């Protein structure tokens, strides 16, 4: 019942999507030597971002 719902604007969702896409492209070009490092960057934004899928 005490749940807080945070409004995320369309521009903020788009910004987050572009950042995720840029990180994926960077990782594809410059793969990390440590697989645990790649997982850490994927978890950075989880929980505070809404899905960009319609």
C-alpha atoms as a PDB file:
ATOM      1  CA  UNK A   1       0.000   0.000   0.000  1.00  0.00           C
ATOM      2  CA  UNK A   2       2.880   2.406   0.670  1.00  0.00           C
ATOM      3  CA  UNK A   3       4.216   1.947  -2.847  1.00  0.00           C
ATOM      4  CA  UNK A   4       5.591   5.024  -4.617  1.00  0.00           C
ATOM      5  CA  UNK A   5       5.092   5.345  -8.352  1.00  0.00           C
ATOM      6  CA  UNK A   6       7.601   7.592 -10.107  1.00  0.00           C
ATOM      7  CA  UNK A   7       6.614   9.400 -13.291  1.00  0.00           C
ATOM      8  CA  UNK A   8       9.208   8.992 -16.034  1.00  0.00           C
ATOM      9  CA  UNK A   9       8.889  11.371 -18.938  1.00  0.00           C
ATOM     10  CA  UNK A  10       9.116  10.220 -22.529  1.00  0.00           C
ATOM     11  CA  UNK A  11      12.375  12.149 -23.032  1.00  0.00           C
ATOM     12  CA  UNK A  12      13.927  10.518 -19.965  1.00  0.00           C
ATOM     13  CA  UNK A  13      12.956   7.041 -21.223  1.00  0.00           C
ATOM     14  CA  UNK A  14      14.402   7.856 -24.646  1.00  0.00           C
ATOM     15  CA  UNK A  15      17.632   9.116 -23.057  1.00  0.00           C
ATOM     16  CA  UNK A  16      17.953   5.891 -21.035  1.00  0.00           C
ATOM     17  CA  UNK A  17      17.307   3.816 -24.167  1.00  0.00           C
ATOM     18  CA  UNK A  18      19.982   5.685 -26.114  1.00  0.00           C
ATOM     19  CA  UNK A  19      22.473   5.217 -23.279  1.00  0.00           C
ATOM     20  CA  UNK A  20      21.776   1.463 -23.160  1.00  0.00           C
ATOM     21  CA  UNK A  21      22.175   1.256 -26.943  1.00  0.00           C
ATOM     22  CA  UNK A  22      25.453   3.204 -26.858  1.00  0.00           C
ATOM     23  CA  UNK A  23      26.811   0.967 -24.089  1.00  0.00           C
ATOM     24  CA  UNK A  24      25.866  -2.140 -26.072  1.00  0.00           C
ATOM     25  CA  UNK A  25      27.621  -0.772 -29.170  1.00  0.00           C
ATOM     26  CA  UNK A  26      30.709   0.116 -27.137  1.00  0.00           C
ATOM     27  CA  UNK A  27      30.769  -3.330 -25.558  1.00  0.00           C
ATOM     28  CA  UNK A  28      30.481  -4.938 -28.992  1.00  0.00           C
ATOM     29  CA  UNK A  29      33.467  -2.925 -30.284  1.00  0.00           C
ATOM     30  CA  UNK A  30      35.555  -3.070 -27.093  1.00  0.00           C
ATOM     31  CA  UNK A  31      34.592  -6.261 -25.255  1.00  0.00           C
ATOM     32  CA  UNK A  32      35.556  -6.305 -21.610  1.00  0.00           C
ATOM     33  CA  UNK A  33      38.118  -8.837 -20.452  1.00  0.00           C
ATOM     34  CA  UNK A  34      36.114  -9.521 -17.282  1.00  0.00           C
ATOM     35  CA  UNK A  35      32.563 -10.875 -17.849  1.00  0.00           C
ATOM     36  CA  UNK A  36      31.553  -9.748 -14.326  1.00  0.00           C
ATOM     37  CA  UNK A  37      32.314  -6.142 -15.345  1.00  0.00           C
ATOM     38  CA  UNK A  38      29.859  -6.344 -18.254  1.00  0.00           C
ATOM     39  CA  UNK A  39      27.141  -7.597 -15.916  1.00  0.00           C
ATOM     40  CA  UNK A  40      27.768  -4.695 -13.512  1.00  0.00           C
ATOM     41  CA  UNK A  41      27.149  -2.088 -16.207  1.00  0.00           C
ATOM     42  CA  UNK A  42      23.928  -3.805 -17.242  1.00  0.00           C
ATOM     43  CA  UNK A  43      22.596  -3.603 -13.675  1.00  0.00           C
ATOM     44  CA  UNK A  44      23.340   0.101 -13.166  1.00  0.00           C
ATOM     45  CA  UNK A  45      19.976   1.443 -14.279  1.00  0.00           C
ATOM     46  CA  UNK A  46      17.712  -1.425 -13.292  1.00  0.00           C
ATOM     47  CA  UNK A  47      14.770  -0.617 -11.097  1.00  0.00           C
ATOM     48  CA  UNK A  48      14.499   3.082 -11.808  1.00  0.00           C
ATOM     49  CA  UNK A  49      13.782   2.947 -15.510  1.00  0.00           C
ATOM     50  CA  UNK A  50      10.579   1.960 -17.206  1.00  0.00           C
ATOM     51  CA  UNK A  51      10.620  -0.376 -20.133  1.00  0.00           C
ATOM     52  CA  UNK A  52      10.886   1.424 -23.445  1.00  0.00           C
ATOM     53  CA  UNK A  53       8.845  -1.263 -25.201  1.00  0.00           C
ATOM     54  CA  UNK A  54       5.326  -0.156 -26.166  1.00  0.00           C
END
